[in-house]
């Protein structure tokens, strides 16, 4: 199935920001929330020189063909994320989420659980559309048809820095520091939560 014209471009910008946060000097364990039908971030990361000890991808739209004959480093779960991720405490180096939080009903709970599953010193890295992007995305999607209409129709929440920071509620006394930046002319949020050493 052919993608709308701007989808690969928008994805490149999201991945570019996320990949800049990942070290290349050691194999990583990464949870990819909303990894998409074709787990494109995994392939982009490998192409950029990232190596994996474990890649955990979860998405209800995963391509069935991908669930067979996987590399040993890959674990895929075809399920929606409701309020929890289903991984043990401090079990991954990084948890990434690209253009995913806007699609779910309980983003604050998933953000909190993302913090829980990263190891001390690890990071939660996410991108999500800002409140200012809503009319632009709807125009590009519904009028010009160069962004996926299905994706935009599924958006439940648009975010600001203040909303993301208010949602950052680390569980069990975990301490964190956060970094936020807008990109693509304030149309997108780039948000990083670093879990501080215990």
N, C-alpha and C. Protein backbone atom coordinates (compact mmCIF):
# COMPACT_ATOMS: atom_id res chain seq x y z
N UNK A 1 0.84 -1.19 0.00
CA UNK A 1 0.00 0.00 0.00
C UNK A 1 0.89 1.26 0.00
N UNK A 2 0.61 2.19 -0.89
CA UNK A 2 1.41 3.39 -1.02
C UNK A 2 1.06 4.39 0.07
N UNK A 3 2.10 4.99 0.65
CA UNK A 3 1.89 6.01 1.68
C UNK A 3 1.56 7.36 1.05
N UNK A 4 0.88 8.20 1.83
CA UNK A 4 0.67 9.57 1.41
C UNK A 4 2.02 10.29 1.33
N UNK A 5 2.08 11.32 0.50
CA UNK A 5 3.34 11.96 0.11
C UNK A 5 4.21 12.41 1.28
N UNK A 6 3.62 13.03 2.30
CA UNK A 6 4.43 13.61 3.38
C UNK A 6 4.72 12.65 4.53
N UNK A 7 4.13 11.47 4.51
CA UNK A 7 4.33 10.54 5.63
C UNK A 7 5.81 10.17 5.83
N UNK A 8 6.55 9.78 4.79
CA UNK A 8 7.96 9.44 5.02
C UNK A 8 8.79 10.62 5.50
N UNK A 9 8.46 11.83 5.02
CA UNK A 9 9.20 13.03 5.43
C UNK A 9 8.97 13.31 6.90
N UNK A 10 7.71 13.28 7.33
CA UNK A 10 7.39 13.52 8.74
C UNK A 10 8.04 12.47 9.63
N UNK A 11 8.03 11.22 9.19
CA UNK A 11 8.64 10.15 9.96
C UNK A 11 10.15 10.36 10.09
N UNK A 12 10.79 10.80 9.01
CA UNK A 12 12.24 11.04 9.07
C UNK A 12 12.57 12.06 10.14
N UNK A 13 11.83 13.16 10.22
CA UNK A 13 12.10 14.17 11.24
C UNK A 13 11.93 13.61 12.64
N UNK A 14 10.90 12.82 12.87
CA UNK A 14 10.69 12.23 14.19
C UNK A 14 11.85 11.30 14.56
N UNK A 15 12.18 10.41 13.64
CA UNK A 15 13.24 9.44 13.92
C UNK A 15 14.59 10.15 14.11
N UNK A 16 14.85 11.18 13.31
CA UNK A 16 16.11 11.92 13.41
C UNK A 16 16.31 12.44 14.84
N UNK A 17 15.28 13.02 15.43
CA UNK A 17 15.38 13.52 16.80
C UNK A 17 15.63 12.38 17.78
N UNK A 18 14.90 11.30 17.63
CA UNK A 18 15.05 10.18 18.56
C UNK A 18 16.40 9.50 18.46
N UNK A 19 16.88 9.27 17.24
CA UNK A 19 18.15 8.57 17.05
C UNK A 19 19.32 9.35 17.63
N UNK A 20 19.21 10.67 17.66
CA UNK A 20 20.30 11.48 18.22
C UNK A 20 20.51 11.22 19.70
N UNK A 21 19.53 10.65 20.37
CA UNK A 21 19.63 10.36 21.81
C UNK A 21 20.21 8.98 22.11
N UNK A 22 20.39 8.16 21.09
CA UNK A 22 20.80 6.77 21.32
C UNK A 22 22.30 6.58 21.10
N UNK A 23 22.99 5.97 22.06
CA UNK A 23 24.42 5.71 21.88
C UNK A 23 24.66 4.56 20.91
N UNK A 24 25.81 4.61 20.26
CA UNK A 24 26.16 3.56 19.30
C UNK A 24 27.33 2.71 19.77
N UNK A 25 27.74 2.92 21.03
CA UNK A 25 28.93 2.23 21.52
C UNK A 25 28.63 0.91 22.21
N UNK A 26 27.35 0.54 22.27
CA UNK A 26 26.98 -0.73 22.90
C UNK A 26 25.62 -1.17 22.38
N UNK A 27 25.33 -2.47 22.42
CA UNK A 27 23.99 -2.94 22.04
C UNK A 27 22.96 -2.46 23.06
N UNK A 28 21.78 -2.10 22.58
CA UNK A 28 20.74 -1.51 23.41
C UNK A 28 19.51 -2.42 23.51
N UNK A 29 18.83 -2.28 24.62
CA UNK A 29 17.49 -2.86 24.74
C UNK A 29 16.49 -1.71 24.66
N UNK A 30 15.57 -1.82 23.72
CA UNK A 30 14.65 -0.72 23.45
C UNK A 30 13.22 -1.25 23.35
N UNK A 31 12.30 -0.56 24.01
CA UNK A 31 10.87 -0.80 23.82
C UNK A 31 10.35 0.28 22.89
N UNK A 32 9.66 -0.11 21.84
CA UNK A 32 9.13 0.81 20.84
C UNK A 32 7.61 0.73 20.90
N UNK A 33 6.99 1.76 21.50
CA UNK A 33 5.54 1.77 21.69
C UNK A 33 4.87 2.33 20.44
N UNK A 34 3.93 1.58 19.90
CA UNK A 34 3.31 2.00 18.65
C UNK A 34 4.31 1.88 17.51
N UNK A 35 4.97 0.72 17.43
CA UNK A 35 6.07 0.55 16.47
C UNK A 35 5.59 0.55 15.02
N UNK A 36 4.27 0.46 14.82
CA UNK A 36 3.73 0.49 13.46
C UNK A 36 3.74 -0.88 12.81
N UNK A 37 3.02 -1.03 11.72
CA UNK A 37 2.91 -2.34 11.06
C UNK A 37 4.24 -2.92 10.61
N UNK A 38 5.20 -2.06 10.29
CA UNK A 38 6.46 -2.54 9.70
C UNK A 38 7.68 -2.23 10.57
N UNK A 39 7.48 -1.86 11.83
CA UNK A 39 8.55 -1.52 12.78
C UNK A 39 9.67 -0.72 12.10
N UNK A 40 9.28 0.42 11.56
CA UNK A 40 10.22 1.21 10.76
C UNK A 40 11.34 1.83 11.60
N UNK A 41 11.07 2.13 12.88
CA UNK A 41 12.15 2.69 13.69
C UNK A 41 13.28 1.68 13.89
N UNK A 42 12.94 0.43 14.06
CA UNK A 42 13.97 -0.61 14.19
C UNK A 42 14.90 -0.57 12.98
N UNK A 43 14.33 -0.54 11.79
CA UNK A 43 15.16 -0.55 10.58
C UNK A 43 15.96 0.74 10.43
N UNK A 44 15.36 1.87 10.79
CA UNK A 44 16.08 3.14 10.73
C UNK A 44 17.24 3.16 11.72
N UNK A 45 17.01 2.59 12.91
CA UNK A 45 18.07 2.54 13.92
C UNK A 45 19.22 1.65 13.45
N UNK A 46 18.91 0.48 12.90
CA UNK A 46 19.95 -0.41 12.41
C UNK A 46 20.76 0.27 11.30
N UNK A 47 20.05 0.97 10.43
CA UNK A 47 20.73 1.65 9.32
C UNK A 47 21.65 2.75 9.82
N UNK A 48 21.30 3.36 10.96
CA UNK A 48 22.11 4.46 11.50
C UNK A 48 23.28 3.97 12.34
N UNK A 49 23.39 2.64 12.54
CA UNK A 49 24.51 2.10 13.30
C UNK A 49 24.18 1.66 14.71
N UNK A 50 22.89 1.70 15.08
CA UNK A 50 22.47 1.20 16.40
C UNK A 50 22.42 -0.31 16.36
N UNK A 51 22.93 -0.95 17.40
CA UNK A 51 22.80 -2.40 17.52
C UNK A 51 21.91 -2.72 18.72
N UNK A 52 21.27 -3.86 18.66
CA UNK A 52 20.29 -4.24 19.67
C UNK A 52 20.68 -5.52 20.37
N UNK A 53 20.48 -5.53 21.68
CA UNK A 53 20.46 -6.79 22.41
C UNK A 53 19.01 -7.26 22.52
N UNK A 54 18.08 -6.29 22.52
CA UNK A 54 16.66 -6.63 22.52
C UNK A 54 15.86 -5.46 21.95
N UNK A 55 14.95 -5.79 21.05
CA UNK A 55 13.99 -4.81 20.54
C UNK A 55 12.60 -5.36 20.82
N UNK A 56 11.83 -4.63 21.63
CA UNK A 56 10.47 -5.01 21.98
C UNK A 56 9.53 -4.02 21.31
N UNK A 57 8.77 -4.48 20.32
CA UNK A 57 7.84 -3.62 19.61
C UNK A 57 6.41 -4.02 19.90
N UNK A 58 5.57 -3.04 20.14
CA UNK A 58 4.16 -3.33 20.42
C UNK A 58 3.28 -2.41 19.60
N UNK A 59 2.30 -3.00 18.92
CA UNK A 59 1.37 -2.23 18.10
C UNK A 59 0.23 -3.15 17.66
N UNK A 60 -1.02 -2.70 17.79
CA UNK A 60 -2.13 -3.55 17.33
C UNK A 60 -2.19 -3.72 15.82
N UNK A 61 -1.45 -2.89 15.08
CA UNK A 61 -1.48 -2.96 13.61
C UNK A 61 -0.30 -3.71 13.02
N UNK A 62 0.47 -4.41 13.85
CA UNK A 62 1.63 -5.13 13.33
C UNK A 62 1.25 -6.07 12.19
N UNK A 63 2.07 -6.08 11.17
CA UNK A 63 1.89 -6.97 10.03
C UNK A 63 2.09 -8.41 10.50
N UNK A 64 1.11 -9.27 10.23
CA UNK A 64 1.19 -10.67 10.66
C UNK A 64 2.45 -11.36 10.12
N UNK A 65 2.87 -10.97 8.93
CA UNK A 65 4.05 -11.60 8.33
C UNK A 65 5.30 -11.34 9.15
N UNK A 66 5.34 -10.21 9.89
CA UNK A 66 6.51 -9.89 10.70
C UNK A 66 6.60 -10.76 11.95
N UNK A 67 5.50 -11.35 12.35
CA UNK A 67 5.49 -12.11 13.60
C UNK A 67 6.11 -13.49 13.45
N UNK A 68 6.50 -13.87 12.23
CA UNK A 68 7.09 -15.18 11.97
C UNK A 68 8.59 -15.02 11.69
N UNK A 69 9.35 -15.99 12.13
CA UNK A 69 10.78 -16.05 11.81
C UNK A 69 11.53 -14.77 12.14
N UNK A 70 11.33 -14.27 13.36
CA UNK A 70 12.00 -13.05 13.79
C UNK A 70 13.44 -13.33 14.21
N UNK A 71 14.29 -12.30 14.10
CA UNK A 71 15.62 -12.40 14.70
C UNK A 71 15.47 -12.62 16.20
N UNK A 72 16.40 -13.31 16.83
CA UNK A 72 16.29 -13.56 18.29
C UNK A 72 16.23 -12.28 19.12
N UNK A 73 16.77 -11.18 18.60
CA UNK A 73 16.77 -9.92 19.37
C UNK A 73 15.41 -9.23 19.36
N UNK A 74 14.49 -9.67 18.49
CA UNK A 74 13.22 -8.99 18.30
C UNK A 74 12.09 -9.75 18.99
N UNK A 75 11.28 -8.99 19.74
CA UNK A 75 10.03 -9.52 20.30
C UNK A 75 8.91 -8.55 19.94
N UNK A 76 7.87 -9.05 19.28
CA UNK A 76 6.76 -8.22 18.86
C UNK A 76 5.46 -8.68 19.53
N UNK A 77 4.66 -7.71 19.93
CA UNK A 77 3.37 -8.00 20.55
C UNK A 77 2.30 -7.21 19.80
N UNK A 78 1.35 -7.94 19.24
CA UNK A 78 0.27 -7.30 18.48
C UNK A 78 -0.92 -7.08 19.40
N UNK A 79 -0.88 -5.95 20.11
CA UNK A 79 -1.94 -5.65 21.07
C UNK A 79 -2.01 -4.15 21.29
N UNK A 80 -3.17 -3.62 21.63
CA UNK A 80 -3.22 -2.20 22.00
C UNK A 80 -2.64 -1.99 23.39
N UNK A 81 -2.10 -0.80 23.62
CA UNK A 81 -1.63 -0.43 24.95
C UNK A 81 -2.73 0.39 25.62
N UNK A 82 -3.16 -0.06 26.79
CA UNK A 82 -4.25 0.62 27.48
C UNK A 82 -3.69 1.51 28.60
N UNK A 83 -3.19 0.90 29.67
CA UNK A 83 -2.60 1.69 30.76
C UNK A 83 -1.23 1.17 31.19
N UNK A 84 -0.82 0.01 30.68
CA UNK A 84 0.48 -0.53 31.06
C UNK A 84 1.12 -1.23 29.88
N UNK A 85 2.45 -1.42 29.98
CA UNK A 85 3.23 -1.92 28.86
C UNK A 85 3.49 -3.42 28.96
N UNK A 86 3.56 -3.96 30.17
CA UNK A 86 3.74 -5.39 30.31
C UNK A 86 5.17 -5.86 30.31
N UNK A 87 6.10 -4.97 30.66
CA UNK A 87 7.50 -5.35 30.81
C UNK A 87 7.90 -5.16 32.27
N UNK A 88 8.91 -5.89 32.74
CA UNK A 88 9.35 -5.74 34.13
C UNK A 88 9.95 -4.37 34.41
N UNK A 89 10.02 -4.01 35.68
CA UNK A 89 10.67 -2.78 36.11
C UNK A 89 12.11 -2.74 35.60
N UNK A 90 12.56 -1.56 35.18
CA UNK A 90 13.97 -1.33 34.82
C UNK A 90 14.52 -2.41 33.90
N UNK A 91 13.77 -2.71 32.84
CA UNK A 91 14.15 -3.83 31.97
C UNK A 91 14.69 -3.41 30.61
N UNK A 92 14.60 -2.11 30.26
CA UNK A 92 15.11 -1.65 28.96
C UNK A 92 15.96 -0.40 29.15
N UNK A 93 16.86 -0.18 28.22
CA UNK A 93 17.69 1.03 28.25
C UNK A 93 16.91 2.26 27.82
N UNK A 94 16.07 2.08 26.81
CA UNK A 94 15.30 3.19 26.26
C UNK A 94 13.88 2.73 25.94
N UNK A 95 12.96 3.65 26.08
CA UNK A 95 11.59 3.42 25.63
C UNK A 95 11.27 4.56 24.66
N UNK A 96 10.92 4.22 23.43
CA UNK A 96 10.65 5.24 22.42
C UNK A 96 9.19 5.18 21.99
N UNK A 97 8.71 6.32 21.55
CA UNK A 97 7.31 6.44 21.13
C UNK A 97 7.23 7.59 20.13
N UNK A 98 7.04 7.26 18.86
CA UNK A 98 7.01 8.27 17.80
C UNK A 98 5.60 8.37 17.23
N UNK A 99 4.99 9.56 17.41
CA UNK A 99 3.63 9.80 16.89
C UNK A 99 2.67 8.71 17.35
N UNK A 100 2.72 8.42 18.65
CA UNK A 100 1.89 7.36 19.21
C UNK A 100 0.98 7.86 20.33
N UNK A 101 1.50 8.70 21.22
CA UNK A 101 0.73 9.11 22.40
C UNK A 101 -0.60 9.77 22.04
N UNK A 102 -0.66 10.42 20.88
CA UNK A 102 -1.89 11.08 20.48
C UNK A 102 -3.00 10.10 20.08
N UNK A 103 -2.64 8.83 19.94
CA UNK A 103 -3.61 7.83 19.48
C UNK A 103 -4.26 7.04 20.62
N UNK A 104 -3.81 7.23 21.85
CA UNK A 104 -4.27 6.36 22.93
C UNK A 104 -5.14 7.12 23.93
N UNK A 105 -5.93 6.35 24.67
CA UNK A 105 -6.88 6.94 25.62
C UNK A 105 -6.24 7.37 26.92
N UNK A 106 -5.11 6.74 27.30
CA UNK A 106 -4.51 7.01 28.61
C UNK A 106 -3.02 7.32 28.47
N UNK A 107 -2.68 8.43 27.82
CA UNK A 107 -1.25 8.72 27.61
C UNK A 107 -0.48 8.96 28.90
N UNK A 108 -1.10 9.54 29.92
CA UNK A 108 -0.38 9.79 31.18
C UNK A 108 0.03 8.48 31.83
N UNK A 109 -0.86 7.50 31.82
CA UNK A 109 -0.55 6.20 32.42
C UNK A 109 0.55 5.49 31.65
N UNK A 110 0.50 5.57 30.32
CA UNK A 110 1.54 4.93 29.52
C UNK A 110 2.88 5.64 29.69
N UNK A 111 2.87 6.96 29.81
CA UNK A 111 4.12 7.68 30.06
C UNK A 111 4.70 7.27 31.41
N UNK A 112 3.88 7.18 32.42
CA UNK A 112 4.36 6.75 33.74
C UNK A 112 4.93 5.34 33.68
N UNK A 113 4.25 4.45 32.97
CA UNK A 113 4.75 3.07 32.87
C UNK A 113 6.01 3.00 32.04
N UNK A 114 6.16 3.90 31.07
CA UNK A 114 7.40 3.96 30.29
C UNK A 114 8.58 4.29 31.19
N UNK A 115 8.37 5.21 32.12
CA UNK A 115 9.43 5.57 33.07
C UNK A 115 9.78 4.37 33.95
N UNK A 116 8.77 3.63 34.35
CA UNK A 116 8.98 2.46 35.21
C UNK A 116 9.87 1.42 34.54
N UNK A 117 9.70 1.20 33.24
CA UNK A 117 10.42 0.09 32.59
C UNK A 117 11.84 0.44 32.17
N UNK A 118 12.21 1.74 32.16
CA UNK A 118 13.59 2.06 31.78
C UNK A 118 14.53 1.93 32.97
N UNK A 119 15.74 1.53 32.69
CA UNK A 119 16.75 1.38 33.73
C UNK A 119 17.20 2.76 34.24
N UNK A 120 17.72 2.83 35.46
CA UNK A 120 18.33 4.08 35.91
C UNK A 120 19.39 4.54 34.91
N UNK A 121 19.32 5.80 34.54
CA UNK A 121 20.19 6.33 33.49
C UNK A 121 19.60 6.22 32.10
N UNK A 122 18.51 5.46 31.97
CA UNK A 122 17.85 5.31 30.69
C UNK A 122 16.90 6.45 30.40
N UNK A 123 16.30 6.41 29.21
CA UNK A 123 15.46 7.52 28.77
C UNK A 123 14.17 7.02 28.12
N UNK A 124 13.13 7.82 28.34
CA UNK A 124 11.90 7.72 27.55
C UNK A 124 11.97 8.84 26.52
N UNK A 125 11.82 8.50 25.25
CA UNK A 125 11.95 9.46 24.15
C UNK A 125 10.66 9.42 23.35
N UNK A 126 10.02 10.57 23.22
CA UNK A 126 8.78 10.57 22.44
C UNK A 126 8.63 11.82 21.59
N UNK A 127 7.90 11.67 20.51
CA UNK A 127 7.43 12.80 19.72
C UNK A 127 5.92 12.68 19.62
N UNK A 128 5.26 13.83 19.59
CA UNK A 128 3.81 13.84 19.47
C UNK A 128 3.37 15.21 18.97
N UNK A 129 2.29 15.28 18.20
CA UNK A 129 1.89 16.58 17.65
C UNK A 129 1.51 17.59 18.72
N UNK A 130 1.77 18.85 18.43
CA UNK A 130 1.40 19.93 19.34
C UNK A 130 -0.03 20.39 19.05
N UNK A 131 -0.57 21.18 19.97
CA UNK A 131 -1.92 21.71 19.78
C UNK A 131 -2.02 22.58 18.52
N UNK A 132 -0.92 23.22 18.14
CA UNK A 132 -0.92 24.10 16.98
C UNK A 132 -0.96 23.34 15.66
N UNK A 133 -0.66 22.05 15.72
CA UNK A 133 -0.62 21.26 14.49
C UNK A 133 -2.00 20.79 14.03
N UNK A 134 -2.97 20.81 14.90
CA UNK A 134 -4.27 20.19 14.58
C UNK A 134 -4.88 20.74 13.28
N UNK A 135 -5.09 22.06 13.14
CA UNK A 135 -5.68 22.53 11.89
C UNK A 135 -4.80 22.28 10.68
N UNK A 136 -3.49 22.34 10.87
CA UNK A 136 -2.56 22.12 9.75
C UNK A 136 -2.64 20.66 9.30
N UNK A 137 -2.59 19.73 10.24
CA UNK A 137 -2.65 18.32 9.89
C UNK A 137 -3.99 17.96 9.25
N UNK A 138 -5.06 18.54 9.76
CA UNK A 138 -6.37 18.26 9.17
C UNK A 138 -6.46 18.79 7.74
N UNK A 139 -5.87 19.95 7.48
CA UNK A 139 -5.86 20.49 6.12
C UNK A 139 -5.01 19.61 5.20
N UNK A 140 -3.80 19.25 5.65
CA UNK A 140 -2.91 18.43 4.83
C UNK A 140 -3.49 17.05 4.58
N UNK A 141 -4.27 16.57 5.53
CA UNK A 141 -4.83 15.22 5.43
C UNK A 141 -6.14 15.19 4.66
N UNK A 142 -7.13 15.93 5.16
CA UNK A 142 -8.48 15.82 4.61
C UNK A 142 -8.67 16.60 3.32
N UNK A 143 -7.93 17.69 3.15
CA UNK A 143 -8.07 18.51 1.94
C UNK A 143 -7.06 18.13 0.87
N UNK A 144 -5.76 18.10 1.26
CA UNK A 144 -4.72 17.85 0.27
C UNK A 144 -4.37 16.38 0.10
N UNK A 145 -4.74 15.55 1.08
CA UNK A 145 -4.51 14.09 1.01
C UNK A 145 -3.03 13.73 0.94
N UNK A 146 -2.17 14.53 1.60
CA UNK A 146 -0.74 14.21 1.58
C UNK A 146 -0.23 13.73 2.95
N UNK A 147 -1.14 13.66 3.92
CA UNK A 147 -0.91 13.01 5.22
C UNK A 147 -2.05 12.02 5.39
N UNK A 148 -1.77 10.91 6.03
CA UNK A 148 -2.77 9.84 6.18
C UNK A 148 -4.04 10.31 6.89
N UNK A 149 -5.19 10.30 6.23
CA UNK A 149 -6.44 10.65 6.91
C UNK A 149 -6.77 9.71 8.07
N UNK A 150 -6.47 8.44 7.91
CA UNK A 150 -6.75 7.50 9.00
C UNK A 150 -5.98 7.87 10.26
N UNK A 151 -4.71 8.20 10.09
CA UNK A 151 -3.89 8.58 11.24
C UNK A 151 -4.47 9.82 11.94
N UNK A 152 -4.85 10.83 11.18
CA UNK A 152 -5.34 12.07 11.78
C UNK A 152 -6.70 11.87 12.43
N UNK A 153 -7.56 11.07 11.82
CA UNK A 153 -8.87 10.78 12.41
C UNK A 153 -8.74 10.10 13.77
N UNK A 154 -7.65 9.35 13.96
CA UNK A 154 -7.46 8.60 15.21
C UNK A 154 -6.87 9.46 16.34
N UNK A 155 -6.47 10.68 16.06
CA UNK A 155 -5.87 11.51 17.10
C UNK A 155 -6.89 11.83 18.19
N UNK A 156 -6.50 11.56 19.43
CA UNK A 156 -7.36 11.83 20.58
C UNK A 156 -6.92 13.05 21.37
N UNK A 157 -5.61 13.34 21.36
CA UNK A 157 -5.06 14.44 22.15
C UNK A 157 -3.95 15.12 21.37
N UNK A 158 -3.89 16.45 21.49
CA UNK A 158 -2.75 17.22 21.00
C UNK A 158 -2.08 17.84 22.22
N UNK A 159 -0.75 17.94 22.20
CA UNK A 159 0.01 18.20 23.41
C UNK A 159 0.76 19.52 23.36
N UNK A 160 1.05 20.04 24.55
CA UNK A 160 1.96 21.16 24.76
C UNK A 160 3.06 20.71 25.72
N UNK A 161 4.10 21.53 25.83
CA UNK A 161 5.14 21.23 26.83
C UNK A 161 4.52 21.13 28.22
N UNK A 162 3.62 22.06 28.54
CA UNK A 162 3.02 22.07 29.88
C UNK A 162 2.21 20.81 30.13
N UNK A 163 1.49 20.35 29.13
CA UNK A 163 0.69 19.13 29.32
C UNK A 163 1.59 17.92 29.51
N UNK A 164 2.63 17.81 28.70
CA UNK A 164 3.55 16.67 28.84
C UNK A 164 4.22 16.68 30.21
N UNK A 165 4.64 17.86 30.66
CA UNK A 165 5.29 17.93 31.97
C UNK A 165 4.31 17.59 33.09
N UNK A 166 3.06 18.02 32.96
CA UNK A 166 2.08 17.69 34.00
C UNK A 166 1.75 16.21 34.02
N UNK A 167 1.89 15.53 32.87
CA UNK A 167 1.63 14.10 32.78
C UNK A 167 2.79 13.27 33.33
N UNK A 168 3.94 13.88 33.52
CA UNK A 168 5.14 13.13 33.93
C UNK A 168 5.09 12.88 35.43
N UNK A 169 4.52 11.75 35.79
CA UNK A 169 4.35 11.35 37.18
C UNK A 169 5.09 10.03 37.41
N UNK A 170 6.39 10.10 37.74
CA UNK A 170 7.16 8.86 37.91
C UNK A 170 6.59 8.00 39.04
N UNK A 171 6.50 6.70 38.84
CA UNK A 171 5.98 5.81 39.88
C UNK A 171 7.04 5.47 40.93
N UNK A 172 6.60 5.06 42.08
CA UNK A 172 7.45 4.45 43.11
C UNK A 172 8.65 5.31 43.51
N UNK A 173 8.49 6.61 43.55
CA UNK A 173 9.58 7.47 44.01
C UNK A 173 10.73 7.62 43.03
N UNK A 174 10.56 7.16 41.80
CA UNK A 174 11.61 7.33 40.78
C UNK A 174 11.83 8.82 40.51
N UNK A 175 13.09 9.21 40.42
CA UNK A 175 13.42 10.60 40.13
C UNK A 175 13.82 10.73 38.66
N UNK A 176 13.39 11.84 38.03
CA UNK A 176 13.65 12.04 36.61
C UNK A 176 14.04 13.49 36.34
N UNK A 177 14.61 13.71 35.18
CA UNK A 177 14.74 15.06 34.64
C UNK A 177 14.15 15.03 33.24
N UNK A 178 13.63 16.17 32.79
CA UNK A 178 12.96 16.21 31.50
C UNK A 178 13.59 17.24 30.58
N UNK A 179 13.43 17.01 29.30
CA UNK A 179 13.85 17.97 28.27
C UNK A 179 12.75 18.03 27.23
N UNK A 180 12.38 19.25 26.84
CA UNK A 180 11.35 19.44 25.82
C UNK A 180 11.82 20.43 24.78
N UNK A 181 11.45 20.16 23.53
CA UNK A 181 11.69 21.11 22.44
C UNK A 181 10.57 20.93 21.42
N UNK A 182 10.17 22.03 20.83
CA UNK A 182 9.27 21.95 19.68
C UNK A 182 10.12 21.83 18.42
N UNK A 183 9.59 21.17 17.41
CA UNK A 183 10.27 21.13 16.12
C UNK A 183 9.22 21.18 15.01
N UNK A 184 9.68 21.31 13.79
CA UNK A 184 8.80 21.52 12.64
C UNK A 184 7.89 22.73 12.86
N UNK A 185 8.49 23.84 13.23
CA UNK A 185 7.74 25.07 13.42
C UNK A 185 6.68 24.98 14.50
N UNK A 186 7.02 24.35 15.62
CA UNK A 186 6.12 24.15 16.77
C UNK A 186 4.98 23.20 16.47
N UNK A 187 5.05 22.47 15.37
CA UNK A 187 3.99 21.52 15.05
C UNK A 187 4.13 20.21 15.83
N UNK A 188 5.34 19.93 16.32
CA UNK A 188 5.59 18.68 17.04
C UNK A 188 6.35 18.93 18.33
N UNK A 189 6.09 18.07 19.30
CA UNK A 189 6.82 18.04 20.56
C UNK A 189 7.89 16.95 20.50
N UNK A 190 9.07 17.28 20.99
CA UNK A 190 10.12 16.29 21.26
C UNK A 190 10.34 16.30 22.76
N UNK A 191 10.12 15.17 23.40
CA UNK A 191 10.13 15.11 24.86
C UNK A 191 10.96 13.93 25.33
N UNK A 192 11.91 14.21 26.22
CA UNK A 192 12.80 13.19 26.75
C UNK A 192 12.72 13.20 28.28
N UNK A 193 12.47 12.04 28.85
CA UNK A 193 12.46 11.87 30.30
C UNK A 193 13.62 10.95 30.65
N UNK A 194 14.59 11.45 31.38
CA UNK A 194 15.73 10.65 31.80
C UNK A 194 15.50 10.16 33.22
N UNK A 195 15.60 8.86 33.42
CA UNK A 195 15.49 8.29 34.75
C UNK A 195 16.82 8.44 35.45
N UNK A 196 16.84 9.15 36.57
CA UNK A 196 18.08 9.40 37.29
C UNK A 196 18.52 8.17 38.05
N UNK A 197 19.83 8.03 38.28
CA UNK A 197 20.33 6.88 39.06
C UNK A 197 19.67 6.84 40.44
N UNK A 198 19.44 5.61 40.91
CA UNK A 198 18.82 5.43 42.25
C UNK A 198 19.76 5.92 43.33
